[in-house]
Amino acid sequence: MTVEDENDNPPIFDRASYEGRISEDALGGAEVSLNGEIRATDADSPPNALISFALYGEGRELFALDSQTGKMSLRRGASLDREEKATYLFRIIARDKG
């Protein structure tokens, strides 16, 4: 008999929050400099522990978040204007595959 893992653990971020910086003259594709790598862990076994990330919040159309690595960048064709908007607040969601 084989006992299989139940998806009973949610992903947990390594940090409570992340802060990033990017220059208003950055070109599309430029990476956002974060104060730490976006990472989460899940106590379940694969595939239930495989995590993907998603970005939510006002202005998310300007930024891209790699769903596997958690790296954030300015979208191609997007431009920033600090005088128009100096701060963006996002929610990052970590989902497991279970």
PDB file of N, CA and C in Angstrom:
ATOM      1  N   MET A   1       0.845  -1.162   0.000  1.00  0.00           N
ATOM      2  CA  MET A   1       0.000   0.000   0.000  1.00  0.00           C
ATOM      3  C   MET A   1       0.898   1.235   0.000  1.00  0.00           C
ATOM      4  N   THR A   2       0.485   2.268  -0.762  1.00  0.00           N
ATOM      5  CA  THR A   2       1.195   3.537  -0.824  1.00  0.00           C
ATOM      6  C   THR A   2       0.297   4.627  -0.270  1.00  0.00           C
ATOM      7  N   VAL A   3       0.839   5.413   0.644  1.00  0.00           N
ATOM      8  CA  VAL A   3       0.100   6.548   1.195  1.00  0.00           C
ATOM      9  C   VAL A   3       0.527   7.786   0.420  1.00  0.00           C
ATOM     10  N   GLU A   4      -0.425   8.448  -0.207  1.00  0.00           N
ATOM     11  CA  GLU A   4      -0.119   9.632  -1.006  1.00  0.00           C
ATOM     12  C   GLU A   4      -0.320  10.902  -0.197  1.00  0.00           C
ATOM     13  N   ASP A   5       0.420  11.918  -0.575  1.00  0.00           N
ATOM     14  CA  ASP A   5       0.346  13.214   0.085  1.00  0.00           C
ATOM     15  C   ASP A   5      -0.980  13.898  -0.223  1.00  0.00           C
ATOM     16  N   GLU A   6      -1.594  14.465   0.797  1.00  0.00           N
ATOM     17  CA  GLU A   6      -2.793  15.274   0.619  1.00  0.00           C
ATOM     18  C   GLU A   6      -2.357  16.727   0.559  1.00  0.00           C
ATOM     19  N   ASN A   7      -3.015  17.513  -0.262  1.00  0.00           N
ATOM     20  CA  ASN A   7      -2.668  18.930  -0.372  1.00  0.00           C
ATOM     21  C   ASN A   7      -3.279  19.686   0.811  1.00  0.00           C
ATOM     22  N   ASP A   8      -2.637  19.566   1.966  1.00  0.00           N
ATOM     23  CA  ASP A   8      -3.196  20.153   3.186  1.00  0.00           C
ATOM     24  C   ASP A   8      -2.329  21.270   3.763  1.00  0.00           C
ATOM     25  N   ASN A   9      -1.327  21.719   2.999  1.00  0.00           N
ATOM     26  CA  ASN A   9      -0.476  22.818   3.452  1.00  0.00           C
ATOM     27  C   ASN A   9      -0.449  23.911   2.391  1.00  0.00           C
ATOM     28  N   PRO A  10      -0.695  25.147   2.788  1.00  0.00           N
ATOM     29  CA  PRO A  10      -0.630  26.251   1.827  1.00  0.00           C
ATOM     30  C   PRO A  10       0.814  26.713   1.640  1.00  0.00           C
ATOM     31  N   PRO A  11       1.109  27.366   0.513  1.00  0.00           N
ATOM     32  CA  PRO A  11       2.438  27.959   0.346  1.00  0.00           C
ATOM     33  C   PRO A  11       2.643  29.080   1.374  1.00  0.00           C
ATOM     34  N   ILE A  12       3.842  29.174   1.892  1.00  0.00           N
ATOM     35  CA  ILE A  12       4.211  30.204   2.871  1.00  0.00           C
ATOM     36  C   ILE A  12       5.388  30.998   2.307  1.00  0.00           C
ATOM     37  N   PHE A  13       5.222  32.333   2.245  1.00  0.00           N
ATOM     38  CA  PHE A  13       6.301  33.191   1.765  1.00  0.00           C
ATOM     39  C   PHE A  13       7.440  33.249   2.769  1.00  0.00           C
ATOM     40  N   ASP A  14       8.651  33.418   2.265  1.00  0.00           N
ATOM     41  CA  ASP A  14       9.830  33.564   3.117  1.00  0.00           C
ATOM     42  C   ASP A  14       9.831  34.895   3.866  1.00  0.00           C
ATOM     43  N   ARG A  15       9.139  35.907   3.310  1.00  0.00           N
ATOM     44  CA  ARG A  15       9.063  37.247   3.915  1.00  0.00           C
ATOM     45  C   ARG A  15       7.606  37.669   3.998  1.00  0.00           C
ATOM     46  N   ALA A  16       7.322  38.559   4.934  1.00  0.00           N
ATOM     47  CA  ALA A  16       5.963  39.102   5.058  1.00  0.00           C
ATOM     48  C   ALA A  16       5.675  40.129   3.972  1.00  0.00           C
ATOM     49  N   SER A  17       6.723  40.830   3.516  1.00  0.00           N
ATOM     50  CA  SER A  17       6.540  41.825   2.457  1.00  0.00           C
ATOM     51  C   SER A  17       7.846  41.987   1.692  1.00  0.00           C
ATOM     52  N   TYR A  18       7.704  42.543   0.501  1.00  0.00           N
ATOM     53  CA  TYR A  18       8.851  42.809  -0.365  1.00  0.00           C
ATOM     54  C   TYR A  18       8.764  44.263  -0.806  1.00  0.00           C
ATOM     55  N   GLU A  19       9.917  44.875  -0.999  1.00  0.00           N
ATOM     56  CA  GLU A  19       9.962  46.247  -1.480  1.00  0.00           C
ATOM     57  C   GLU A  19      10.897  46.282  -2.675  1.00  0.00           C
ATOM     58  N   GLY A  20      10.487  47.016  -3.704  1.00  0.00           N
ATOM     59  CA  GLY A  20      11.295  47.076  -4.913  1.00  0.00           C
ATOM     60  C   GLY A  20      11.494  48.494  -5.396  1.00  0.00           C
ATOM     61  N   ARG A  21      12.494  48.648  -6.246  1.00  0.00           N
ATOM     62  CA  ARG A  21      12.805  49.955  -6.840  1.00  0.00           C
ATOM     63  C   ARG A  21      13.131  49.751  -8.311  1.00  0.00           C
ATOM     64  N   ILE A  22      12.721  50.757  -9.105  1.00  0.00           N
ATOM     65  CA  ILE A  22      13.064  50.785 -10.516  1.00  0.00           C
ATOM     66  C   ILE A  22      13.084  52.242 -10.952  1.00  0.00           C
ATOM     67  N   SER A  23      13.987  52.583 -11.832  1.00  0.00           N
ATOM     68  CA  SER A  23      14.111  53.958 -12.309  1.00  0.00           C
ATOM     69  C   SER A  23      12.971  54.277 -13.277  1.00  0.00           C
ATOM     70  N   GLU A  24      12.505  55.519 -13.232  1.00  0.00           N
ATOM     71  CA  GLU A  24      11.419  55.902 -14.137  1.00  0.00           C
ATOM     72  C   GLU A  24      11.850  55.883 -15.599  1.00  0.00           C
ATOM     73  N   ASP A  25      13.157  55.915 -15.865  1.00  0.00           N
ATOM     74  CA  ASP A  25      13.620  55.860 -17.256  1.00  0.00           C
ATOM     75  C   ASP A  25      14.043  54.445 -17.676  1.00  0.00           C
ATOM     76  N   ALA A  26      13.670  53.443 -16.867  1.00  0.00           N
ATOM     77  CA  ALA A  26      13.999  52.054 -17.192  1.00  0.00           C
ATOM     78  C   ALA A  26      13.298  51.633 -18.476  1.00  0.00           C
ATOM     79  N   LEU A  27      13.982  50.804 -19.241  1.00  0.00           N
ATOM     80  CA  LEU A  27      13.413  50.276 -20.474  1.00  0.00           C
ATOM     81  C   LEU A  27      12.615  49.013 -20.174  1.00  0.00           C
ATOM     82  N   GLY A  28      11.657  48.718 -21.046  1.00  0.00           N
ATOM     83  CA  GLY A  28      10.887  47.496 -20.896  1.00  0.00           C
ATOM     84  C   GLY A  28      11.791  46.286 -20.795  1.00  0.00           C
ATOM     85  N   GLY A  29      11.476  45.401 -19.888  1.00  0.00           N
ATOM     86  CA  GLY A  29      12.303  44.227 -19.647  1.00  0.00           C
ATOM     87  C   GLY A  29      13.256  44.396 -18.482  1.00  0.00           C
ATOM     88  N   ALA A  30      13.442  45.658 -18.017  1.00  0.00           N
ATOM     89  CA  ALA A  30      14.350  45.905 -16.888  1.00  0.00           C
ATOM     90  C   ALA A  30      13.792  45.244 -15.627  1.00  0.00           C
ATOM     91  N   GLU A  31      14.680  44.610 -14.877  1.00  0.00           N
ATOM     92  CA  GLU A  31      14.266  43.922 -13.658  1.00  0.00           C
ATOM     93  C   GLU A  31      14.082  44.916 -12.516  1.00  0.00           C
ATOM     94  N   VAL A  32      13.050  44.702 -11.723  1.00  0.00           N
ATOM     95  CA  VAL A  32      12.806  45.488 -10.520  1.00  0.00           C
ATOM     96  C   VAL A  32      13.781  45.001  -9.450  1.00  0.00           C
ATOM     97  N   SER A  33      14.481  45.924  -8.806  1.00  0.00           N
ATOM     98  CA  SER A  33      15.411  45.584  -7.739  1.00  0.00           C
ATOM     99  C   SER A  33      14.620  45.396  -6.447  1.00  0.00           C
ATOM    100  N   LEU A  34      14.532  44.157  -5.990  1.00  0.00           N
ATOM    101  CA  LEU A  34      13.759  43.843  -4.787  1.00  0.00           C
ATOM    102  C   LEU A  34      14.669  43.693  -3.574  1.00  0.00           C
ATOM    103  N   ASN A  35      14.093  43.893  -2.387  1.00  0.00           N
ATOM    104  CA  ASN A  35      14.859  43.761  -1.153  1.00  0.00           C
ATOM    105  C   ASN A  35      15.050  42.298  -0.749  1.00  0.00           C
ATOM    106  N   GLY A  36      14.588  41.389  -1.548  1.00  0.00           N
ATOM    107  CA  GLY A  36      14.764  39.958  -1.303  1.00  0.00           C
ATOM    108  C   GLY A  36      14.111  39.178  -2.424  1.00  0.00           C
ATOM    109  N   GLU A  37      14.580  37.974  -2.626  1.00  0.00           N
ATOM    110  CA  GLU A  37      14.028  37.110  -3.661  1.00  0.00           C
ATOM    111  C   GLU A  37      12.623  36.665  -3.262  1.00  0.00           C
ATOM    112  N   ILE A  38      11.679  36.766  -4.185  1.00  0.00           N
ATOM    113  CA  ILE A  38      10.315  36.301  -3.914  1.00  0.00           C
ATOM    114  C   ILE A  38      10.359  34.785  -3.901  1.00  0.00           C
ATOM    115  N   ARG A  39      10.114  34.228  -2.723  1.00  0.00           N
ATOM    116  CA  ARG A  39      10.157  32.780  -2.551  1.00  0.00           C
ATOM    117  C   ARG A  39       9.067  32.350  -1.597  1.00  0.00           C
ATOM    118  N   ALA A  40       8.568  31.143  -1.826  1.00  0.00           N
ATOM    119  CA  ALA A  40       7.597  30.532  -0.930  1.00  0.00           C
ATOM    120  C   ALA A  40       7.888  29.041  -0.877  1.00  0.00           C
ATOM    121  N   THR A  41       7.524  28.420   0.229  1.00  0.00           N
ATOM    122  CA  THR A  41       7.696  26.981   0.374  1.00  0.00           C
ATOM    123  C   THR A  41       6.365  26.357   0.738  1.00  0.00           C
ATOM    124  N   ASP A  42       6.259  25.073   0.483  1.00  0.00           N
ATOM    125  CA  ASP A  42       5.037  24.332   0.765  1.00  0.00           C
ATOM    126  C   ASP A  42       5.457  22.999   1.371  1.00  0.00           C
ATOM    127  N   ALA A  43       4.913  22.646   2.513  1.00  0.00           N
ATOM    128  CA  ALA A  43       5.319  21.435   3.223  1.00  0.00           C
ATOM    129  C   ALA A  43       4.802  20.152   2.566  1.00  0.00           C
ATOM    130  N   ASP A  44       3.930  20.278   1.573  1.00  0.00           N
ATOM    131  CA  ASP A  44       3.444  19.093   0.874  1.00  0.00           C
ATOM    132  C   ASP A  44       4.525  18.521  -0.028  1.00  0.00           C
ATOM    133  N   SER A  45       4.273  17.341  -0.569  1.00  0.00           N
ATOM    134  CA  SER A  45       5.174  16.714  -1.531  1.00  0.00           C
ATOM    135  C   SER A  45       4.732  17.069  -2.940  1.00  0.00           C
ATOM    136  N   PRO A  46       5.675  17.053  -3.901  1.00  0.00           N
ATOM    137  CA  PRO A  46       5.286  17.311  -5.290  1.00  0.00           C
ATOM    138  C   PRO A  46       4.240  16.289  -5.743  1.00  0.00           C
ATOM    139  N   PRO A  47       3.306  16.631  -6.589  1.00  0.00           N
ATOM    140  CA  PRO A  47       3.163  17.923  -7.253  1.00  0.00           C
ATOM    141  C   PRO A  47       2.452  18.973  -6.398  1.00  0.00           C
ATOM    142  N   ASN A  48       1.951  18.586  -5.230  1.00  0.00           N
ATOM    143  CA  ASN A  48       1.212  19.530  -4.383  1.00  0.00           C
ATOM    144  C   ASN A  48       2.060  20.686  -3.886  1.00  0.00           C
ATOM    145  N   ALA A  49       3.381  20.547  -3.915  1.00  0.00           N
ATOM    146  CA  ALA A  49       4.271  21.597  -3.413  1.00  0.00           C
ATOM    147  C   ALA A  49       4.845  22.478  -4.515  1.00  0.00           C
ATOM    148  N   LEU A  50       4.464  22.244  -5.767  1.00  0.00           N
ATOM    149  CA  LEU A  50       4.954  23.080  -6.864  1.00  0.00           C
ATOM    150  C   LEU A  50       4.209  24.408  -6.828  1.00  0.00           C
ATOM    151  N   ILE A  51       4.953  25.507  -6.738  1.00  0.00           N
ATOM    152  CA  ILE A  51       4.361  26.830  -6.499  1.00  0.00           C
ATOM    153  C   ILE A  51       4.493  27.717  -7.723  1.00  0.00           C
ATOM    154  N   SER A  52       3.441  28.495  -7.982  1.00  0.00           N
ATOM    155  CA  SER A  52       3.506  29.535  -9.008  1.00  0.00           C
ATOM    156  C   SER A  52       3.036  30.842  -8.382  1.00  0.00           C
ATOM    157  N   PHE A  53       3.529  31.961  -8.933  1.00  0.00           N
ATOM    158  CA  PHE A  53       3.235  33.283  -8.405  1.00  0.00           C
ATOM    159  C   PHE A  53       2.390  34.085  -9.385  1.00  0.00           C
ATOM    160  N   ALA A  54       1.547  34.954  -8.832  1.00  0.00           N
ATOM    161  CA  ALA A  54       0.748  35.871  -9.647  1.00  0.00           C
ATOM    162  C   ALA A  54       0.744  37.233  -8.971  1.00  0.00           C
ATOM    163  N   LEU A  55       0.619  38.278  -9.778  1.00  0.00           N
ATOM    164  CA  LEU A  55       0.676  39.661  -9.314  1.00  0.00           C
ATOM    165  C   LEU A  55      -0.700  40.303  -9.432  1.00  0.00           C
ATOM    166  N   TYR A  56      -1.145  40.963  -8.365  1.00  0.00           N
ATOM    167  CA  TYR A  56      -2.424  41.665  -8.356  1.00  0.00           C
ATOM    168  C   TYR A  56      -2.231  43.062  -7.798  1.00  0.00           C
ATOM    169  N   GLY A  57      -2.962  44.019  -8.324  1.00  0.00           N
ATOM    170  CA  GLY A  57      -2.919  45.379  -7.815  1.00  0.00           C
ATOM    171  C   GLY A  57      -2.954  46.393  -8.929  1.00  0.00           C
ATOM    172  N   GLU A  58      -3.220  47.637  -8.550  1.00  0.00           N
ATOM    173  CA  GLU A  58      -3.286  48.728  -9.512  1.00  0.00           C
ATOM    174  C   GLU A  58      -1.910  48.956 -10.133  1.00  0.00           C
ATOM    175  N   GLY A  59      -1.850  48.960 -11.442  1.00  0.00           N
ATOM    176  CA  GLY A  59      -0.588  49.143 -12.144  1.00  0.00           C
ATOM    177  C   GLY A  59       0.074  47.846 -12.543  1.00  0.00           C
ATOM    178  N   ARG A  60      -0.548  46.705 -12.237  1.00  0.00           N
ATOM    179  CA  ARG A  60       0.079  45.422 -12.571  1.00  0.00           C
ATOM    180  C   ARG A  60       0.279  45.233 -14.074  1.00  0.00           C
ATOM    181  N   GLU A  61      -0.485  45.996 -14.869  1.00  0.00           N
ATOM    182  CA  GLU A  61      -0.323  45.895 -16.324  1.00  0.00           C
ATOM    183  C   GLU A  61       1.028  46.449 -16.787  1.00  0.00           C
ATOM    184  N   LEU A  62       1.695  47.212 -15.914  1.00  0.00           N
ATOM    185  CA  LEU A  62       3.012  47.773 -16.242  1.00  0.00           C
ATOM    186  C   LEU A  62       4.158  46.822 -15.922  1.00  0.00           C
ATOM    187  N   PHE A  63       3.877  45.835 -15.082  1.00  0.00           N
ATOM    188  CA  PHE A  63       4.924  44.956 -14.582  1.00  0.00           C
ATOM    189  C   PHE A  63       4.622  43.502 -14.914  1.00  0.00           C
ATOM    190  N   ALA A  64       5.673  42.719 -15.019  1.00  0.00           N
ATOM    191  CA  ALA A  64       5.551  41.284 -15.257  1.00  0.00           C
ATOM    192  C   ALA A  64       6.199  40.558 -14.084  1.00  0.00           C
ATOM    193  N   LEU A  65       5.552  39.508 -13.640  1.00  0.00           N
ATOM    194  CA  LEU A  65       6.095  38.669 -12.579  1.00  0.00           C
ATOM    195  C   LEU A  65       6.229  37.263 -13.144  1.00  0.00           C
ATOM    196  N   ASP A  66       7.454  36.758 -13.198  1.00  0.00           N
ATOM    197  CA  ASP A  66       7.663  35.400 -13.693  1.00  0.00           C
ATOM    198  C   ASP A  66       6.992  34.435 -12.717  1.00  0.00           C
ATOM    199  N   SER A  67       6.035  33.671 -13.195  1.00  0.00           N
ATOM    200  CA  SER A  67       5.232  32.819 -12.317  1.00  0.00           C
ATOM    201  C   SER A  67       6.038  31.712 -11.652  1.00  0.00           C
ATOM    202  N   GLN A  68       7.196  31.365 -12.210  1.00  0.00           N
ATOM    203  CA  GLN A  68       8.017  30.293 -11.643  1.00  0.00           C
ATOM    204  C   GLN A  68       9.164  30.808 -10.777  1.00  0.00           C
ATOM    205  N   THR A  69       9.824  31.874 -11.222  1.00  0.00           N
ATOM    206  CA  THR A  69      11.013  32.357 -10.498  1.00  0.00           C
ATOM    207  C   THR A  69      10.706  33.483  -9.518  1.00  0.00           C
ATOM    208  N   GLY A  70       9.582  34.190  -9.708  1.00  0.00           N
ATOM    209  CA  GLY A  70       9.258  35.322  -8.855  1.00  0.00           C
ATOM    210  C   GLY A  70       9.990  36.596  -9.216  1.00  0.00           C
ATOM    211  N   LYS A  71      10.725  36.607 -10.312  1.00  0.00           N
ATOM    212  CA  LYS A  71      11.430  37.828 -10.736  1.00  0.00           C
ATOM    213  C   LYS A  71      10.423  38.799 -11.349  1.00  0.00           C
ATOM    214  N   MET A  72      10.543  40.068 -10.960  1.00  0.00           N
ATOM    215  CA  MET A  72       9.624  41.099 -11.433  1.00  0.00           C
ATOM    216  C   MET A  72      10.371  42.045 -12.368  1.00  0.00           C
ATOM    217  N   SER A  73       9.698  42.438 -13.453  1.00  0.00           N
ATOM    218  CA  SER A  73      10.309  43.339 -14.418  1.00  0.00           C
ATOM    219  C   SER A  73       9.267  44.293 -14.989  1.00  0.00           C
ATOM    220  N   LEU A  74       9.762  45.332 -15.616  1.00  0.00           N
ATOM    221  CA  LEU A  74       8.894  46.284 -16.313  1.00  0.00           C
ATOM    222  C   LEU A  74       8.501  45.637 -17.644  1.00  0.00           C
ATOM    223  N   ARG A  75       7.229  45.671 -17.959  1.00  0.00           N
ATOM    224  CA  ARG A  75       6.762  45.066 -19.219  1.00  0.00           C
ATOM    225  C   ARG A  75       7.315  45.836 -20.414  1.00  0.00           C
ATOM    226  N   ARG A  76       7.535  45.148 -21.478  1.00  0.00           N
ATOM    227  CA  ARG A  76       7.973  45.773 -22.729  1.00  0.00           C
ATOM    228  C   ARG A  76       6.897  46.751 -23.180  1.00  0.00           C
ATOM    229  N   GLY A  77       7.306  47.952 -23.576  1.00  0.00           N
ATOM    230  CA  GLY A  77       6.375  48.980 -24.025  1.00  0.00           C
ATOM    231  C   GLY A  77       5.786  49.814 -22.895  1.00  0.00           C
ATOM    232  N   ALA A  78       6.028  49.432 -21.642  1.00  0.00           N
ATOM    233  CA  ALA A  78       5.508  50.195 -20.499  1.00  0.00           C
ATOM    234  C   ALA A  78       6.467  51.331 -20.164  1.00  0.00           C
ATOM    235  N   SER A  79       5.923  52.413 -19.640  1.00  0.00           N
ATOM    236  CA  SER A  79       6.772  53.515 -19.193  1.00  0.00           C
ATOM    237  C   SER A  79       6.273  54.010 -17.843  1.00  0.00           C
ATOM    238  N   LEU A  80       7.197  54.540 -17.068  1.00  0.00           N
ATOM    239  CA  LEU A  80       6.899  55.039 -15.724  1.00  0.00           C
ATOM    240  C   LEU A  80       7.121  56.539 -15.672  1.00  0.00           C
ATOM    241  N   ASP A  81       6.333  57.219 -14.853  1.00  0.00           N
ATOM    242  CA  ASP A  81       6.484  58.646 -14.631  1.00  0.00           C
ATOM    243  C   ASP A  81       6.303  58.895 -13.138  1.00  0.00           C
ATOM    244  N   ARG A  82       7.408  59.152 -12.439  1.00  0.00           N
ATOM    245  CA  ARG A  82       7.369  59.318 -10.989  1.00  0.00           C
ATOM    246  C   ARG A  82       6.444  60.458 -10.565  1.00  0.00           C
ATOM    247  N   GLU A  83       6.387  61.524 -11.351  1.00  0.00           N
ATOM    248  CA  GLU A  83       5.522  62.652 -10.993  1.00  0.00           C
ATOM    249  C   GLU A  83       4.043  62.270 -11.105  1.00  0.00           C
ATOM    250  N   GLU A  84       3.739  61.332 -11.966  1.00  0.00           N
ATOM    251  CA  GLU A  84       2.363  60.867 -12.124  1.00  0.00           C
ATOM    252  C   GLU A  84       1.995  59.849 -11.049  1.00  0.00           C
ATOM    253  N   LYS A  85       2.897  58.908 -10.779  1.00  0.00           N
ATOM    254  CA  LYS A  85       2.684  57.885  -9.742  1.00  0.00           C
ATOM    255  C   LYS A  85       4.041  57.413  -9.247  1.00  0.00           C
ATOM    256  N   ALA A  86       4.302  57.609  -7.962  1.00  0.00           N
ATOM    257  CA  ALA A  86       5.615  57.297  -7.397  1.00  0.00           C
ATOM    258  C   ALA A  86       5.673  55.921  -6.731  1.00  0.00           C
ATOM    259  N   THR A  87       4.517  55.380  -6.356  1.00  0.00           N
ATOM    260  CA  THR A  87       4.488  54.121  -5.613  1.00  0.00           C
ATOM    261  C   THR A  87       3.387  53.218  -6.150  1.00  0.00           C
ATOM    262  N   TYR A  88       3.698  51.950  -6.272  1.00  0.00           N
ATOM    263  CA  TYR A  88       2.729  50.930  -6.661  1.00  0.00           C
ATOM    264  C   TYR A  88       2.676  49.901  -5.542  1.00  0.00           C
ATOM    265  N   LEU A  89       1.488  49.512  -5.148  1.00  0.00           N
ATOM    266  CA  LEU A  89       1.317  48.477  -4.130  1.00  0.00           C
ATOM    267  C   LEU A  89       0.688  47.262  -4.796  1.00  0.00           C
ATOM    268  N   PHE A  90       1.342  46.118  -4.634  1.00  0.00           N
ATOM    269  CA  PHE A  90       0.867  44.881  -5.244  1.00  0.00           C
ATOM    270  C   PHE A  90       0.661  43.816  -4.194  1.00  0.00           C
ATOM    271  N   ARG A  91      -0.143  42.857  -4.541  1.00  0.00           N
ATOM    272  CA  ARG A  91      -0.282  41.633  -3.750  1.00  0.00           C
ATOM    273  C   ARG A  91       0.270  40.521  -4.622  1.00  0.00           C
ATOM    274  N   ILE A  92       1.144  39.729  -4.057  1.00  0.00           N
ATOM    275  CA  ILE A  92       1.687  38.573  -4.755  1.00  0.00           C
ATOM    276  C   ILE A  92       1.011  37.341  -4.170  1.00  0.00           C
ATOM    277  N   ILE A  93       0.444  36.549  -5.033  1.00  0.00           N
ATOM    278  CA  ILE A  93      -0.247  35.330  -4.625  1.00  0.00           C
ATOM    279  C   ILE A  93       0.625  34.138  -4.982  1.00  0.00           C
ATOM    280  N   ALA A  94       0.800  33.229  -4.036  1.00  0.00           N
ATOM    281  CA  ALA A  94       1.506  31.971  -4.278  1.00  0.00           C
ATOM    282  C   ALA A  94       0.460  30.860  -4.269  1.00  0.00           C
ATOM    283  N   ARG A  95       0.438  30.095  -5.360  1.00  0.00           N
ATOM    284  CA  ARG A  95      -0.506  28.980  -5.464  1.00  0.00           C
ATOM    285  C   ARG A  95       0.284  27.693  -5.659  1.00  0.00           C
ATOM    286  N   ASP A  96      -0.191  26.635  -5.004  1.00  0.00           N
ATOM    287  CA  ASP A  96       0.427  25.342  -5.259  1.00  0.00           C
ATOM    288  C   ASP A  96      -0.373  24.597  -6.323  1.00  0.00           C
ATOM    289  N   LYS A  97       0.189  23.517  -6.820  1.00  0.00           N
ATOM    290  CA  LYS A  97      -0.429  22.788  -7.937  1.00  0.00           C
ATOM    291  C   LYS A  97      -1.415  21.722  -7.475  1.00  0.00           C
ATOM    292  N   GLY A  98      -1.640  21.656  -6.173  1.00  0.00           N
ATOM    293  CA  GLY A  98      -2.515  20.605  -5.632  1.00  0.00           C
ATOM    294  C   GLY A  98      -3.973  20.848  -5.875  1.00  0.00           C
TER     295      GLY A  98
END
